[in-house]
Amino acid sequence: MAVLTPQRSAPGSGAPQRESRRLGFSQRLGRWDVKLSPYLYISPFFILFAITGLFPLGYTAFVSVHEWSLLGGQGDFIGLQNFADVLAHPTFWKSLVNTLSIFVFSSIPQVIIAITIAALLDQNLRSATFWRMGVLIPYVVAPVAVSLIFGRLFADQYGLINSVLNTIGLDSIAWHGDRIASHVAIATMVNYRWMGYNALIFLAAMQAVPRDLYEAAVIDGAGRVRQFFSITVPQIRATIIFVVITSTIGGLQIFDEVRLFDATGLGGPDRNWMTTVVFLYDTAWGNQHSLGRASAVAWLLFLLIVVIGLVNFLVTQRISSAGPTKKSKRKSNTGGNS
């Protein structure tokens, strides 16, 4: 409880002067509650992130600079020797090229098709909820089931894809023999699983676009395609950047589809579709049994994801901000001439 003190007049002045009063315990507690409660509410996320994210990242960095085997455990400190051994391994560079190739075949078509599906679902469709939930079914299916099904579809001898190609007069494709063909097959699995998920993210952003903009565009005579590129795409720029970055991170961490594409799960006899994550798995649990080198591979992949993610962010942000700038310049030029 606050203790009030009587007011006293300052010497030489007629106005009374109020002395400072002492705050009670409940008021002090209320002030601390206002200041600290927001941080307490969000602290569980940061605590879990520190335990499941930052600690493994730091511990992996610690393991990567030691000679650390699967059976023997921690060995001597060797500095950056694990990184040098990984960079000198030809299979690592082949897996890195495979990862980037599969990433290009999966992420770019995935974003384009997802935003197209979202634009179609944003129209006035009958049973709209059914169609919107239907595109999410591939995401619910287990990755193992998707890989097994598509592994049969892209089989070399009895696959459905080759049967269709033979029916229309085209030659069969060695999906497990040709390097690019295997990348296309694995990218198809990734696109099938994630297109519906990204489409719903785009759909949520499209439904937040004010409908007055579309009504004004219809009055001006703009068609559906012009409305899409002039209204929809500029209004969902932030969502596009988010989906591009998340697709980049996911595309560089492909594991399940590659692991189950053949019987051995190591990218074929020539490692034609071995990704960097599969190479990491083989380094740690396969023939090498070296957790130190596997940790070095993990850190190299982490740095690659950070670099490509930043490049994607800067490029998409630059592209998204270039359109309005040009339009504003044109308007200012026409206004100045008139």
Protein backbone atom coordinates (compact mmCIF):
# COMPACT_ATOMS: atom_id res chain seq x y z
CA MET A 1 0.00 0.00 0.00
CA ALA A 2 1.32 3.43 -0.87
CA VAL A 3 2.11 5.78 2.01
CA LEU A 4 1.03 9.32 1.29
CA THR A 5 2.90 12.21 2.83
CA PRO A 6 1.38 15.61 3.49
CA GLN A 7 2.03 18.44 1.04
CA ARG A 8 4.43 21.12 2.17
CA SER A 9 4.96 24.61 0.84
CA ALA A 10 8.39 25.48 -0.41
CA PRO A 11 9.99 28.42 1.38
CA GLY A 12 9.43 31.66 -0.47
CA SER A 13 6.58 30.30 -2.65
CA GLY A 14 2.92 30.16 -2.07
CA ALA A 15 2.26 26.93 -4.08
CA PRO A 16 2.37 23.64 -2.19
CA GLN A 17 5.10 21.16 -3.28
CA ARG A 18 4.34 17.38 -3.32
CA GLU A 19 7.04 15.15 -1.94
CA SER A 20 7.97 11.87 -3.63
CA ARG A 21 5.96 8.96 -2.36
CA ARG A 22 7.13 5.42 -1.75
CA LEU A 23 5.60 2.67 -3.93
CA GLY A 24 4.08 -0.33 -2.26
CA PHE A 25 4.99 -3.95 -2.98
CA SER A 26 1.89 -4.62 -5.12
CA GLN A 27 2.51 -1.59 -7.32
CA ARG A 28 6.16 -2.54 -7.74
CA LEU A 29 5.10 -6.08 -8.65
CA GLY A 30 2.62 -4.71 -11.19
CA ARG A 31 5.35 -2.65 -12.86
CA TRP A 32 7.66 -5.65 -13.08
CA ASP A 33 4.79 -7.71 -14.49
CA VAL A 34 4.22 -5.19 -17.29
CA LYS A 35 7.92 -5.10 -18.14
CA LEU A 36 8.78 -8.80 -17.91
CA SER A 37 5.61 -10.66 -18.87
CA PRO A 38 6.00 -10.20 -22.68
CA TYR A 39 9.48 -11.74 -22.51
CA LEU A 40 8.22 -14.60 -20.38
CA TYR A 41 5.45 -15.36 -22.87
CA ILE A 42 7.86 -15.68 -25.80
CA SER A 43 10.69 -17.32 -23.84
CA PRO A 44 9.56 -20.97 -24.44
CA PHE A 45 10.23 -20.61 -28.17
CA PHE A 46 13.74 -19.23 -27.65
CA ILE A 47 14.53 -21.83 -24.99
CA LEU A 48 13.45 -24.68 -27.28
CA PHE A 49 15.29 -23.08 -30.21
CA ALA A 50 18.47 -22.85 -28.13
CA ILE A 51 18.18 -26.50 -27.08
CA THR A 52 17.20 -27.99 -30.45
CA GLY A 53 18.90 -25.48 -32.78
CA LEU A 54 21.80 -23.50 -31.39
CA PHE A 55 23.27 -26.22 -29.17
CA PRO A 56 23.42 -28.88 -31.92
CA LEU A 57 24.92 -26.29 -34.27
CA GLY A 58 27.62 -25.36 -31.79
CA TYR A 59 28.28 -28.97 -30.81
CA THR A 60 28.60 -29.96 -34.48
CA ALA A 61 31.19 -27.21 -34.90
CA PHE A 62 33.07 -28.64 -31.90
CA VAL A 63 32.99 -32.16 -33.34
CA SER A 64 34.10 -30.97 -36.78
CA VAL A 65 37.49 -29.82 -35.48
CA HIS A 66 38.24 -33.12 -33.70
CA GLU A 67 39.11 -36.60 -34.84
CA TRP A 68 35.81 -38.15 -33.83
CA SER A 69 34.95 -41.71 -34.82
CA LEU A 70 31.71 -43.59 -34.42
CA LEU A 71 33.18 -46.27 -32.16
CA GLY A 72 36.13 -44.52 -30.53
CA GLY A 73 34.43 -41.24 -29.73
CA GLN A 74 36.35 -37.99 -29.30
CA GLY A 75 39.96 -37.95 -30.43
CA ASP A 76 42.64 -35.34 -30.87
CA PHE A 77 42.06 -31.75 -31.94
CA ILE A 78 42.93 -31.51 -35.65
CA GLY A 79 41.62 -28.06 -36.56
CA LEU A 80 40.32 -27.72 -40.10
CA GLN A 81 41.71 -31.06 -41.30
CA ASN A 82 38.22 -32.57 -41.56
CA PHE A 83 37.12 -29.70 -43.80
CA ALA A 84 40.22 -30.18 -45.97
CA ASP A 85 39.53 -33.93 -46.28
CA VAL A 86 35.92 -33.31 -47.26
CA LEU A 87 36.81 -30.65 -49.84
CA ALA A 88 39.42 -33.02 -51.32
CA HIS A 89 36.88 -35.84 -51.68
CA PRO A 90 35.56 -36.04 -55.29
CA THR A 91 32.27 -37.60 -54.17
CA PHE A 92 31.50 -34.53 -52.07
CA TRP A 93 31.71 -32.25 -55.10
CA LYS A 94 29.63 -34.66 -57.17
CA SER A 95 26.99 -34.76 -54.44
CA LEU A 96 27.03 -30.96 -54.28
CA VAL A 97 26.41 -30.67 -58.03
CA ASN A 98 23.62 -33.26 -57.75
CA THR A 99 22.04 -31.28 -54.90
CA LEU A 100 22.07 -28.02 -56.84
CA SER A 101 20.69 -29.74 -59.96
CA ILE A 102 17.81 -31.38 -58.07
CA PHE A 103 17.20 -28.09 -56.27
CA VAL A 104 16.81 -26.24 -59.59
CA PHE A 105 14.50 -28.92 -61.04
CA SER A 106 12.32 -28.89 -57.91
CA SER A 107 12.21 -25.40 -56.41
CA ILE A 108 11.61 -23.29 -59.52
CA PRO A 109 8.73 -25.36 -61.01
CA GLN A 110 7.37 -25.88 -57.50
CA VAL A 111 6.93 -22.16 -56.82
CA ILE A 112 5.51 -21.43 -60.28
CA ILE A 113 2.98 -24.29 -60.20
CA ALA A 114 2.02 -23.58 -56.57
CA ILE A 115 1.22 -19.93 -57.24
CA THR A 116 -0.77 -20.95 -60.34
CA ILE A 117 -2.81 -23.49 -58.35
CA ALA A 118 -3.40 -20.88 -55.64
CA ALA A 119 -4.67 -18.40 -58.24
CA LEU A 120 -7.13 -21.01 -59.55
CA LEU A 121 -8.31 -21.87 -56.03
CA ASP A 122 -8.83 -18.18 -55.32
CA GLN A 123 -11.62 -18.06 -57.89
CA ASN A 124 -15.31 -18.68 -57.19
CA LEU A 125 -15.31 -22.48 -57.36
CA ARG A 126 -17.99 -24.91 -56.32
CA SER A 127 -16.97 -26.98 -53.29
CA ALA A 128 -14.00 -24.67 -52.78
CA THR A 129 -13.15 -26.21 -49.40
CA PHE A 130 -12.93 -29.67 -50.96
CA TRP A 131 -10.46 -28.54 -53.63
CA ARG A 132 -8.40 -26.53 -51.16
CA MET A 133 -8.10 -29.47 -48.79
CA GLY A 134 -7.45 -31.83 -51.69
CA VAL A 135 -4.22 -30.10 -52.70
CA LEU A 136 -2.87 -30.77 -49.19
CA ILE A 137 -3.24 -34.57 -49.46
CA PRO A 138 0.26 -35.14 -50.97
CA TYR A 139 1.79 -33.30 -48.02
CA VAL A 140 0.01 -35.62 -45.56
CA VAL A 141 1.28 -38.77 -47.28
CA ALA A 142 4.46 -40.12 -45.70
CA PRO A 143 7.66 -39.43 -47.66
CA VAL A 144 8.46 -43.15 -47.62
CA ALA A 145 5.17 -43.95 -49.37
CA VAL A 146 5.70 -41.19 -51.93
CA SER A 147 9.21 -42.41 -52.69
CA LEU A 148 8.12 -46.02 -53.07
CA ILE A 149 5.23 -45.11 -55.39
CA PHE A 150 7.29 -42.83 -57.58
CA GLY A 151 10.15 -45.33 -57.56
CA ARG A 152 7.79 -47.77 -59.27
CA LEU A 153 6.47 -45.12 -61.64
CA PHE A 154 10.00 -44.24 -62.74
CA ALA A 155 11.26 -47.83 -62.94
CA ASP A 156 13.51 -48.56 -65.91
CA GLN A 157 11.94 -51.82 -67.09
CA TYR A 158 8.32 -51.84 -65.94
CA GLY A 159 7.60 -48.26 -64.93
CA LEU A 160 4.35 -46.57 -65.86
CA ILE A 161 6.14 -43.50 -67.22
CA ASN A 162 8.14 -45.55 -69.71
CA SER A 163 5.00 -47.49 -70.68
CA VAL A 164 3.25 -44.22 -71.53
CA LEU A 165 6.29 -43.05 -73.51
CA ASN A 166 6.35 -46.31 -75.48
CA THR A 167 2.62 -45.98 -76.18
CA ILE A 168 3.07 -42.59 -77.83
CA GLY A 169 6.08 -43.80 -79.79
CA LEU A 170 8.94 -42.48 -77.66
CA ASP A 171 11.92 -44.42 -76.35
CA SER A 172 12.20 -45.51 -72.75
CA ILE A 173 14.28 -43.40 -70.40
CA ALA A 174 16.84 -44.92 -68.04
CA TRP A 175 15.64 -43.12 -64.93
CA HIS A 176 18.21 -44.94 -62.77
CA GLY A 177 20.99 -44.83 -65.34
CA ASP A 178 20.96 -41.33 -66.75
CA ARG A 179 22.10 -38.62 -64.33
CA ILE A 180 19.77 -35.81 -65.45
CA ALA A 181 16.80 -38.18 -65.76
CA SER A 182 17.28 -39.34 -62.17
CA HIS A 183 17.37 -35.72 -61.01
CA VAL A 184 14.10 -35.02 -62.83
CA ALA A 185 12.47 -38.09 -61.26
CA ILE A 186 13.54 -37.13 -57.73
CA ALA A 187 12.51 -33.50 -58.29
CA THR A 188 9.07 -34.75 -59.39
CA MET A 189 8.65 -36.49 -56.04
CA VAL A 190 9.63 -33.32 -54.18
CA ASN A 191 7.26 -31.18 -56.27
CA TYR A 192 4.38 -33.61 -55.75
CA ARG A 193 4.81 -33.49 -51.98
CA TRP A 194 5.30 -29.74 -51.47
CA MET A 195 3.28 -28.03 -54.21
CA GLY A 196 -0.02 -28.24 -52.34
CA TYR A 197 1.52 -26.95 -49.11
CA ASN A 198 3.02 -23.90 -50.84
CA ALA A 199 -0.19 -23.39 -52.81
CA LEU A 200 -2.17 -22.99 -49.57
CA ILE A 201 0.38 -20.45 -48.31
CA PHE A 202 -0.03 -18.46 -51.52
CA LEU A 203 -3.83 -18.84 -51.31
CA ALA A 204 -3.89 -17.39 -47.79
CA ALA A 205 -1.91 -14.39 -49.01
CA MET A 206 -4.16 -13.92 -52.05
CA GLN A 207 -7.30 -13.91 -49.95
CA ALA A 208 -5.88 -11.01 -47.94
CA VAL A 209 -5.62 -8.84 -51.08
CA PRO A 210 -8.37 -6.17 -51.05
CA ARG A 211 -11.13 -7.06 -53.53
CA ASP A 212 -11.62 -3.40 -54.39
CA LEU A 213 -8.43 -3.56 -56.44
CA TYR A 214 -9.86 -6.32 -58.62
CA GLU A 215 -13.16 -4.50 -59.04
CA ALA A 216 -11.34 -1.37 -60.16
CA ALA A 217 -9.26 -3.45 -62.57
CA VAL A 218 -12.40 -5.00 -64.07
CA ILE A 219 -13.88 -1.54 -64.59
CA ASP A 220 -10.67 -0.50 -66.35
CA GLY A 221 -11.00 -3.52 -68.65
CA ALA A 222 -8.12 -5.64 -67.28
CA GLY A 223 -8.38 -9.38 -67.86
CA ARG A 224 -7.58 -12.19 -65.45
CA VAL A 225 -3.96 -12.50 -66.55
CA ARG A 226 -3.36 -8.76 -66.28
CA GLN A 227 -4.98 -8.71 -62.83
CA PHE A 228 -2.73 -11.56 -61.73
CA PHE A 229 0.52 -9.88 -62.75
CA SER A 230 -0.47 -6.30 -61.91
CA ILE A 231 -2.37 -6.84 -58.65
CA THR A 232 -1.92 -10.33 -57.21
CA VAL A 233 1.83 -10.76 -57.61
CA PRO A 234 2.79 -7.29 -56.28
CA GLN A 235 0.46 -7.69 -53.30
CA ILE A 236 1.95 -11.03 -52.19
CA ARG A 237 5.63 -10.15 -52.62
CA ALA A 238 6.51 -10.92 -49.00
CA THR A 239 4.87 -14.35 -49.25
CA ILE A 240 6.73 -15.12 -52.47
CA ILE A 241 10.03 -14.24 -50.82
CA PHE A 242 9.14 -16.45 -47.83
CA VAL A 243 8.20 -19.44 -50.01
CA VAL A 244 11.32 -19.05 -52.18
CA ILE A 245 13.58 -19.03 -49.12
CA THR A 246 11.87 -22.02 -47.47
CA SER A 247 11.90 -23.93 -50.76
CA THR A 248 15.61 -23.20 -51.08
CA ILE A 249 16.33 -24.53 -47.60
CA GLY A 250 14.22 -27.63 -48.17
CA GLY A 251 15.59 -28.23 -51.67
CA LEU A 252 19.17 -28.32 -50.40
CA GLN A 253 18.29 -30.82 -47.66
CA ILE A 254 16.68 -33.55 -49.77
CA PHE A 255 17.21 -36.96 -48.21
CA ASP A 256 14.15 -39.27 -48.10
CA GLU A 257 13.43 -39.25 -51.83
CA VAL A 258 17.07 -39.94 -52.70
CA ARG A 259 17.49 -42.56 -50.03
CA LEU A 260 14.51 -44.59 -51.25
CA PHE A 261 14.96 -44.11 -55.00
CA ASP A 262 16.94 -47.36 -55.29
CA ALA A 263 17.77 -50.41 -53.19
CA THR A 264 21.13 -49.22 -51.87
CA GLY A 265 20.02 -45.67 -51.07
CA LEU A 266 23.41 -44.14 -51.85
CA GLY A 267 22.71 -42.47 -55.16
CA GLY A 268 23.31 -45.43 -57.46
CA PRO A 269 26.55 -47.23 -58.30
CA ASP A 270 28.08 -44.08 -59.82
CA ARG A 271 26.55 -41.75 -57.20
CA ASN A 272 24.64 -40.01 -60.00
CA TRP A 273 21.87 -38.78 -57.66
CA MET A 274 23.62 -38.75 -54.29
CA THR A 275 22.89 -35.46 -52.54
CA THR A 276 25.07 -33.77 -49.94
CA VAL A 277 22.82 -34.93 -47.08
CA VAL A 278 23.11 -38.53 -48.27
CA PHE A 279 26.89 -38.08 -48.52
CA LEU A 280 26.83 -36.80 -44.93
CA TYR A 281 24.88 -39.88 -43.86
CA ASP A 282 27.30 -42.19 -45.66
CA THR A 283 30.28 -40.41 -44.10
CA ALA A 284 28.92 -40.80 -40.57
CA TRP A 285 27.21 -44.19 -40.70
CA GLY A 286 28.51 -45.81 -43.90
CA ASN A 287 32.00 -46.87 -44.86
CA GLN A 288 33.98 -44.04 -43.26
CA HIS A 289 32.40 -43.99 -39.77
CA SER A 290 33.81 -40.51 -39.18
CA LEU A 291 31.58 -38.17 -37.23
CA GLY A 292 34.21 -35.44 -37.47
CA ARG A 293 34.13 -35.35 -41.27
CA ALA A 294 30.33 -35.71 -41.24
CA SER A 295 30.12 -32.65 -38.98
CA ALA A 296 32.36 -30.78 -41.41
CA VAL A 297 29.99 -31.71 -44.24
CA ALA A 298 27.06 -30.47 -42.17
CA TRP A 299 28.74 -27.11 -41.59
CA LEU A 300 29.68 -26.73 -45.25
CA LEU A 301 26.06 -27.45 -46.20
CA PHE A 302 24.87 -24.95 -43.59
CA LEU A 303 27.10 -22.23 -45.02
CA LEU A 304 25.92 -23.05 -48.55
CA ILE A 305 22.27 -22.78 -47.48
CA VAL A 306 22.95 -19.43 -45.80
CA VAL A 307 24.69 -18.04 -48.89
CA ILE A 308 22.05 -19.24 -51.36
CA GLY A 309 19.26 -18.11 -49.02
CA LEU A 310 20.74 -14.60 -48.82
CA VAL A 311 21.18 -14.47 -52.60
CA ASN A 312 17.58 -15.57 -53.09
CA PHE A 313 16.36 -12.99 -50.60
CA LEU A 314 18.29 -10.14 -52.22
CA VAL A 315 17.30 -11.12 -55.77
CA THR A 316 13.61 -11.59 -54.99
CA GLN A 317 13.49 -8.38 -52.98
CA ARG A 318 15.18 -6.48 -55.79
CA ILE A 319 12.80 -7.90 -58.40
CA SER A 320 9.74 -7.21 -56.26
CA SER A 321 10.76 -3.60 -55.62
CA ALA A 322 11.80 -2.86 -59.19
CA GLY A 323 8.27 -2.80 -60.63
CA PRO A 324 6.68 -0.04 -58.53
CA THR A 325 9.82 2.11 -58.89
CA LYS A 326 9.61 2.04 -62.66
CA LYS A 327 5.91 2.82 -62.60
CA SER A 328 6.38 5.73 -60.25
CA LYS A 329 9.14 7.09 -62.47
CA ARG A 330 6.88 6.89 -65.51
CA LYS A 331 4.10 8.70 -63.67
CA SER A 332 6.44 11.42 -62.52
CA ASN A 333 7.78 11.84 -66.03
CA THR A 334 4.31 12.10 -67.55
CA GLY A 335 3.27 14.50 -64.83
CA GLY A 336 6.30 16.70 -65.46
CA ASN A 337 5.72 16.77 -69.22
CA SER A 338 2.10 17.69 -68.81
